[in-house]
């Protein structure tokens, strides 16, 4: 049997060993790639918004609640109106149709903020009459007719200010002349105690 040269045998042996090493490395990588992770990856917990951030987001998304304002006095449409929170007196007056020609503009702070349940009073020009001594005007000596008296005359009655006087005028404009002094009980702000105080000072 012929023998191979010594250098040829060594070359073959080296090649066989190299192929074996490559096969082992490839097999190891294949097994490592298919094996499940044992903690090499970092687990990240989901980020939850803080309570303050969630509340702020909810407040921004929710509509701002409305407030109810009572506008009376020298405006075109006195009454109750809904306004957004943070509204000003100017907003309330605008909703009520604006100021009338009789309004005392300088007595109204249109920039003032309004709150829920507040009454915005627009005074009538010259309604808050005062005596020469600086005190409130004296009550009239003769009975005042509820059906014909002006707001200024009604304002001189005890317990009847410019706002209530304007309500009396508005009431008779809507319902006609007063038939009895007791009809005043239908006007907001006038109750049994006020009626008793006005006894003898007013007539229908």
C-alpha atoms as a PDB file:
ATOM      1  CA  UNK A   1       0.000   0.000   0.000  1.00  0.00           C
ATOM      2  CA  UNK A   2       1.488   3.363  -1.002  1.00  0.00           C
ATOM      3  CA  UNK A   3       2.105   5.867   1.756  1.00  0.00           C
ATOM      4  CA  UNK A   4       1.332   9.583   1.510  1.00  0.00           C
ATOM      5  CA  UNK A   5       4.055  12.084   2.023  1.00  0.00           C
ATOM      6  CA  UNK A   6       4.294  13.376   5.573  1.00  0.00           C
ATOM      7  CA  UNK A   7       3.451  16.968   4.661  1.00  0.00           C
ATOM      8  CA  UNK A   8       0.229  15.888   2.829  1.00  0.00           C
ATOM      9  CA  UNK A   9      -1.001  13.992   5.917  1.00  0.00           C
ATOM     10  CA  UNK A  10      -0.493  16.984   8.139  1.00  0.00           C
ATOM     11  CA  UNK A  11      -2.404  19.242   5.810  1.00  0.00           C
ATOM     12  CA  UNK A  12      -5.381  16.903   5.780  1.00  0.00           C
ATOM     13  CA  UNK A  13      -5.346  16.602   9.556  1.00  0.00           C
ATOM     14  CA  UNK A  14      -5.289  20.401   9.969  1.00  0.00           C
ATOM     15  CA  UNK A  15      -8.183  20.797   7.538  1.00  0.00           C
ATOM     16  CA  UNK A  16     -10.253  18.188   9.364  1.00  0.00           C
ATOM     17  CA  UNK A  17      -9.601  19.880  12.716  1.00  0.00           C
ATOM     18  CA  UNK A  18     -10.516  23.313  11.297  1.00  0.00           C
ATOM     19  CA  UNK A  19     -13.783  21.980   9.893  1.00  0.00           C
ATOM     20  CA  UNK A  20     -14.602  20.409  13.263  1.00  0.00           C
ATOM     21  CA  UNK A  21     -13.989  23.693  15.103  1.00  0.00           C
ATOM     22  CA  UNK A  22     -16.167  25.627  12.616  1.00  0.00           C
ATOM     23  CA  UNK A  23     -18.956  23.054  12.980  1.00  0.00           C
ATOM     24  CA  UNK A  24     -18.837  23.322  16.779  1.00  0.00           C
ATOM     25  CA  UNK A  25     -18.960  27.141  16.683  1.00  0.00           C
ATOM     26  CA  UNK A  26     -21.892  27.184  14.245  1.00  0.00           C
ATOM     27  CA  UNK A  27     -23.809  24.642  16.306  1.00  0.00           C
ATOM     28  CA  UNK A  28     -23.249  26.613  19.530  1.00  0.00           C
ATOM     29  CA  UNK A  29     -24.469  29.857  17.961  1.00  0.00           C
ATOM     30  CA  UNK A  30     -27.547  28.117  16.610  1.00  0.00           C
ATOM     31  CA  UNK A  31     -28.420  26.717  20.033  1.00  0.00           C
ATOM     32  CA  UNK A  32     -27.723  30.069  21.758  1.00  0.00           C
ATOM     33  CA  UNK A  33     -29.959  31.940  19.315  1.00  0.00           C
ATOM     34  CA  UNK A  34     -32.897  29.593  19.929  1.00  0.00           C
ATOM     35  CA  UNK A  35     -32.618  29.546  23.731  1.00  0.00           C
ATOM     36  CA  UNK A  36     -35.020  31.840  25.745  1.00  0.00           C
ATOM     37  CA  UNK A  37     -33.610  34.951  27.419  1.00  0.00           C
ATOM     38  CA  UNK A  38     -32.746  34.531  31.083  1.00  0.00           C
ATOM     39  CA  UNK A  39     -32.668  38.138  32.160  1.00  0.00           C
ATOM     40  CA  UNK A  40     -30.398  39.746  29.627  1.00  0.00           C
ATOM     41  CA  UNK A  41     -33.128  42.175  28.482  1.00  0.00           C
ATOM     42  CA  UNK A  42     -34.244  45.015  30.761  1.00  0.00           C
ATOM     43  CA  UNK A  43     -37.968  44.888  31.619  1.00  0.00           C
ATOM     44  CA  UNK A  44     -39.593  48.328  31.398  1.00  0.00           C
ATOM     45  CA  UNK A  45     -42.826  48.955  33.315  1.00  0.00           C
ATOM     46  CA  UNK A  46     -45.515  50.954  31.510  1.00  0.00           C
ATOM     47  CA  UNK A  47     -45.495  54.654  32.421  1.00  0.00           C
ATOM     48  CA  UNK A  48     -48.657  55.826  34.131  1.00  0.00           C
ATOM     49  CA  UNK A  49     -49.522  59.530  34.349  1.00  0.00           C
ATOM     50  CA  UNK A  50     -49.482  61.058  37.794  1.00  0.00           C
ATOM     51  CA  UNK A  51     -52.753  61.887  39.524  1.00  0.00           C
ATOM     52  CA  UNK A  52     -52.148  65.624  39.086  1.00  0.00           C
ATOM     53  CA  UNK A  53     -51.471  65.227  35.364  1.00  0.00           C
ATOM     54  CA  UNK A  54     -54.576  63.079  34.929  1.00  0.00           C
ATOM     55  CA  UNK A  55     -56.707  65.621  36.801  1.00  0.00           C
ATOM     56  CA  UNK A  56     -55.321  68.475  34.702  1.00  0.00           C
ATOM     57  CA  UNK A  57     -56.022  66.581  31.506  1.00  0.00           C
ATOM     58  CA  UNK A  58     -59.563  65.849  32.665  1.00  0.00           C
ATOM     59  CA  UNK A  59     -60.148  69.484  33.561  1.00  0.00           C
ATOM     60  CA  UNK A  60     -58.925  70.627  30.158  1.00  0.00           C
ATOM     61  CA  UNK A  61     -61.195  68.182  28.360  1.00  0.00           C
ATOM     62  CA  UNK A  62     -64.320  68.852  30.478  1.00  0.00           C
ATOM     63  CA  UNK A  63     -66.421  71.936  29.602  1.00  0.00           C
ATOM     64  CA  UNK A  64     -66.328  74.797  32.063  1.00  0.00           C
ATOM     65  CA  UNK A  65     -69.489  74.865  34.184  1.00  0.00           C
ATOM     66  CA  UNK A  66     -71.915  77.751  33.686  1.00  0.00           C
ATOM     67  CA  UNK A  67     -73.039  80.228  36.324  1.00  0.00           C
ATOM     68  CA  UNK A  68     -76.445  81.896  36.677  1.00  0.00           C
ATOM     69  CA  UNK A  69     -76.615  85.693  36.969  1.00  0.00           C
ATOM     70  CA  UNK A  70     -79.591  87.951  37.702  1.00  0.00           C
ATOM     71  CA  UNK A  71     -79.355  91.181  35.708  1.00  0.00           C
ATOM     72  CA  UNK A  72     -81.731  93.966  36.799  1.00  0.00           C
ATOM     73  CA  UNK A  73     -82.100  97.698  36.429  1.00  0.00           C
ATOM     74  CA  UNK A  74     -81.504  99.853  33.351  1.00  0.00           C
ATOM     75  CA  UNK A  75     -80.912  97.094  30.784  1.00  0.00           C
ATOM     76  CA  UNK A  76     -83.094  96.195  27.817  1.00  0.00           C
ATOM     77  CA  UNK A  77     -83.884  92.619  28.905  1.00  0.00           C
ATOM     78  CA  UNK A  78     -83.625  92.135  32.708  1.00  0.00           C
ATOM     79  CA  UNK A  79     -83.654  88.521  33.845  1.00  0.00           C
ATOM     80  CA  UNK A  80     -81.651  85.406  34.627  1.00  0.00           C
ATOM     81  CA  UNK A  81     -78.804  84.441  32.314  1.00  0.00           C
ATOM     82  CA  UNK A  82     -76.258  81.622  32.102  1.00  0.00           C
ATOM     83  CA  UNK A  83     -72.673  82.722  31.597  1.00  0.00           C
ATOM     84  CA  UNK A  84     -69.374  80.831  31.511  1.00  0.00           C
ATOM     85  CA  UNK A  85     -67.392  80.831  34.724  1.00  0.00           C
ATOM     86  CA  UNK A  86     -64.973  83.744  34.768  1.00  0.00           C
ATOM     87  CA  UNK A  87     -67.390  86.131  33.020  1.00  0.00           C
ATOM     88  CA  UNK A  88     -67.434  89.866  33.748  1.00  0.00           C
ATOM     89  CA  UNK A  89     -70.210  92.382  34.370  1.00  0.00           C
ATOM     90  CA  UNK A  90     -69.817  93.488  30.738  1.00  0.00           C
ATOM     91  CA  UNK A  91     -70.744  89.964  29.607  1.00  0.00           C
ATOM     92  CA  UNK A  92     -73.840  89.935  31.824  1.00  0.00           C
ATOM     93  CA  UNK A  93     -74.967  93.360  30.585  1.00  0.00           C
ATOM     94  CA  UNK A  94     -74.431  92.303  26.969  1.00  0.00           C
ATOM     95  CA  UNK A  95     -76.573  89.184  27.472  1.00  0.00           C
ATOM     96  CA  UNK A  96     -79.303  91.418  28.926  1.00  0.00           C
ATOM     97  CA  UNK A  97     -79.412  93.528  25.772  1.00  0.00           C
ATOM     98  CA  UNK A  98     -77.031  96.267  26.876  1.00  0.00           C
ATOM     99  CA  UNK A  99     -77.523  99.466  28.834  1.00  0.00           C
ATOM    100  CA  UNK A 100     -80.579 101.634  28.268  1.00  0.00           C
ATOM    101  CA  UNK A 101     -80.403 105.382  27.753  1.00  0.00           C
ATOM    102  CA  UNK A 102     -81.414 105.858  31.404  1.00  0.00           C
ATOM    103  CA  UNK A 103     -78.546 103.785  32.800  1.00  0.00           C
ATOM    104  CA  UNK A 104     -76.081 105.394  35.182  1.00  0.00           C
ATOM    105  CA  UNK A 105     -73.003 104.245  33.245  1.00  0.00           C
ATOM    106  CA  UNK A 106     -70.467 105.619  35.729  1.00  0.00           C
ATOM    107  CA  UNK A 107     -72.033 103.536  38.526  1.00  0.00           C
ATOM    108  CA  UNK A 108     -71.426 100.242  36.692  1.00  0.00           C
ATOM    109  CA  UNK A 109     -68.029  98.555  36.816  1.00  0.00           C
ATOM    110  CA  UNK A 110     -68.150  96.528  33.600  1.00  0.00           C
ATOM    111  CA  UNK A 111     -64.758  94.954  34.313  1.00  0.00           C
ATOM    112  CA  UNK A 112     -65.784  93.403  37.634  1.00  0.00           C
ATOM    113  CA  UNK A 113     -65.978  89.576  37.692  1.00  0.00           C
ATOM    114  CA  UNK A 114     -69.310  87.942  38.496  1.00  0.00           C
ATOM    115  CA  UNK A 115     -69.996  84.845  40.596  1.00  0.00           C
ATOM    116  CA  UNK A 116     -72.726  82.233  40.526  1.00  0.00           C
ATOM    117  CA  UNK A 117     -75.984  83.530  42.027  1.00  0.00           C
ATOM    118  CA  UNK A 118     -74.900  87.169  41.937  1.00  0.00           C
ATOM    119  CA  UNK A 119     -77.243  90.016  41.010  1.00  0.00           C
ATOM    120  CA  UNK A 120     -75.879  92.623  38.611  1.00  0.00           C
ATOM    121  CA  UNK A 121     -77.643  95.928  39.294  1.00  0.00           C
ATOM    122  CA  UNK A 122     -77.559  98.680  36.670  1.00  0.00           C
ATOM    123  CA  UNK A 123     -78.775 101.817  38.393  1.00  0.00           C
ATOM    124  CA  UNK A 124     -81.137 104.264  36.704  1.00  0.00           C
ATOM    125  CA  UNK A 125     -79.649 107.718  36.222  1.00  0.00           C
ATOM    126  CA  UNK A 126     -80.789 110.016  39.041  1.00  0.00           C
ATOM    127  CA  UNK A 127     -82.624 107.243  40.908  1.00  0.00           C
ATOM    128  CA  UNK A 128     -80.444 107.393  44.018  1.00  0.00           C
ATOM    129  CA  UNK A 129     -81.647 110.827  45.087  1.00  0.00           C
ATOM    130  CA  UNK A 130     -80.251 112.284  48.304  1.00  0.00           C
ATOM    131  CA  UNK A 131     -81.327 115.188  50.444  1.00  0.00           C
ATOM    132  CA  UNK A 132     -79.321 118.387  50.806  1.00  0.00           C
ATOM    133  CA  UNK A 133     -77.978 117.098  54.123  1.00  0.00           C
ATOM    134  CA  UNK A 134     -76.412 114.144  52.387  1.00  0.00           C
ATOM    135  CA  UNK A 135     -78.764 111.515  53.827  1.00  0.00           C
ATOM    136  CA  UNK A 136     -81.384 109.421  52.051  1.00  0.00           C
ATOM    137  CA  UNK A 137     -84.313 111.274  50.558  1.00  0.00           C
ATOM    138  CA  UNK A 138     -87.252 111.610  52.893  1.00  0.00           C
ATOM    139  CA  UNK A 139     -90.355 109.503  52.314  1.00  0.00           C
ATOM    140  CA  UNK A 140     -93.135 111.373  50.464  1.00  0.00           C
ATOM    141  CA  UNK A 141     -95.796 112.961  52.608  1.00  0.00           C
ATOM    142  CA  UNK A 142     -98.655 111.901  50.268  1.00  0.00           C
ATOM    143  CA  UNK A 143     -99.285 108.236  49.351  1.00  0.00           C
ATOM    144  CA  UNK A 144     -97.512 107.110  46.188  1.00  0.00           C
ATOM    145  CA  UNK A 145     -99.559 105.507  43.418  1.00  0.00           C
ATOM    146  CA  UNK A 146     -98.043 102.156  42.454  1.00  0.00           C
ATOM    147  CA  UNK A 147     -99.704 102.366  39.039  1.00  0.00           C
ATOM    148  CA  UNK A 148     -98.450 105.810  38.015  1.00  0.00           C
ATOM    149  CA  UNK A 149     -95.346 106.649  40.076  1.00  0.00           C
ATOM    150  CA  UNK A 150     -91.965 106.766  38.358  1.00  0.00           C
ATOM    151  CA  UNK A 151     -89.047 104.618  39.462  1.00  0.00           C
ATOM    152  CA  UNK A 152     -87.497 107.696  41.084  1.00  0.00           C
ATOM    153  CA  UNK A 153     -90.658 108.312  43.144  1.00  0.00           C
ATOM    154  CA  UNK A 154     -90.913 104.670  44.171  1.00  0.00           C
ATOM    155  CA  UNK A 155     -87.264 104.774  45.234  1.00  0.00           C
ATOM    156  CA  UNK A 156     -88.145 107.308  47.955  1.00  0.00           C
ATOM    157  CA  UNK A 157     -90.293 104.729  49.761  1.00  0.00           C
ATOM    158  CA  UNK A 158     -88.726 103.007  52.802  1.00  0.00           C
ATOM    159  CA  UNK A 159     -87.080  99.700  51.892  1.00  0.00           C
ATOM    160  CA  UNK A 160     -87.547 100.312  48.153  1.00  0.00           C
ATOM    161  CA  UNK A 161     -84.258 100.901  46.395  1.00  0.00           C
ATOM    162  CA  UNK A 162     -83.637 101.589  42.701  1.00  0.00           C
ATOM    163  CA  UNK A 163     -83.628  97.887  41.838  1.00  0.00           C
ATOM    164  CA  UNK A 164     -86.966  97.116  43.506  1.00  0.00           C
ATOM    165  CA  UNK A 165     -88.458 100.315  42.110  1.00  0.00           C
ATOM    166  CA  UNK A 166     -87.489  99.173  38.622  1.00  0.00           C
ATOM    167  CA  UNK A 167     -89.093  95.777  39.304  1.00  0.00           C
ATOM    168  CA  UNK A 168     -92.354  97.498  40.285  1.00  0.00           C
ATOM    169  CA  UNK A 169     -92.339  99.480  37.049  1.00  0.00           C
ATOM    170  CA  UNK A 170     -91.567  96.343  35.018  1.00  0.00           C
ATOM    171  CA  UNK A 171     -94.345  94.425  36.793  1.00  0.00           C
ATOM    172  CA  UNK A 172     -97.061  96.965  35.929  1.00  0.00           C
ATOM    173  CA  UNK A 173     -95.776  97.206  32.355  1.00  0.00           C
ATOM    174  CA  UNK A 174     -96.308  93.470  32.026  1.00  0.00           C
ATOM    175  CA  UNK A 175     -99.476  92.997  34.110  1.00  0.00           C
ATOM    176  CA  UNK A 176    -101.133  96.395  33.925  1.00  0.00           C
ATOM    177  CA  UNK A 177    -102.043  98.819  36.758  1.00  0.00           C
ATOM    178  CA  UNK A 178    -102.051  97.583  40.334  1.00  0.00           C
ATOM    179  CA  UNK A 179    -105.473  96.659  41.663  1.00  0.00           C
ATOM    180  CA  UNK A 180    -104.321  96.269  45.266  1.00  0.00           C
ATOM    181  CA  UNK A 181    -101.291  97.057  47.370  1.00  0.00           C
ATOM    182  CA  UNK A 182    -101.146  93.327  48.133  1.00  0.00           C
ATOM    183  CA  UNK A 183    -100.075  92.789  44.504  1.00  0.00           C
ATOM    184  CA  UNK A 184     -96.614  93.919  45.585  1.00  0.00           C
ATOM    185  CA  UNK A 185     -96.171  90.495  47.196  1.00  0.00           C
ATOM    186  CA  UNK A 186     -95.663  89.071  43.686  1.00  0.00           C
ATOM    187  CA  UNK A 187     -92.500  91.125  43.206  1.00  0.00           C
ATOM    188  CA  UNK A 188     -89.240  89.476  44.324  1.00  0.00           C
ATOM    189  CA  UNK A 189     -87.786  91.191  47.366  1.00  0.00           C
ATOM    190  CA  UNK A 190     -91.118  92.385  48.768  1.00  0.00           C
ATOM    191  CA  UNK A 191     -92.682  90.194  51.441  1.00  0.00           C
ATOM    192  CA  UNK A 192     -95.208  90.590  54.263  1.00  0.00           C
ATOM    193  CA  UNK A 193     -92.798  92.602  56.405  1.00  0.00           C
ATOM    194  CA  UNK A 194     -92.115  95.083  53.599  1.00  0.00           C
ATOM    195  CA  UNK A 195     -95.847  95.369  52.839  1.00  0.00           C
ATOM    196  CA  UNK A 196     -96.537  96.221  56.471  1.00  0.00           C
ATOM    197  CA  UNK A 197     -93.833  98.905  56.336  1.00  0.00           C
ATOM    198  CA  UNK A 198     -95.425 100.432  53.234  1.00  0.00           C
ATOM    199  CA  UNK A 199     -98.933 100.508  54.693  1.00  0.00           C
ATOM    200  CA  UNK A 200    -100.377 103.996  54.341  1.00  0.00           C
ATOM    201  CA  UNK A 201     -97.517 105.158  52.106  1.00  0.00           C
ATOM    202  CA  UNK A 202     -98.723 103.617  48.842  1.00  0.00           C
ATOM    203  CA  UNK A 203    -102.007 103.173  46.988  1.00  0.00           C
ATOM    204  CA  UNK A 204    -102.789 100.983  43.939  1.00  0.00           C
END
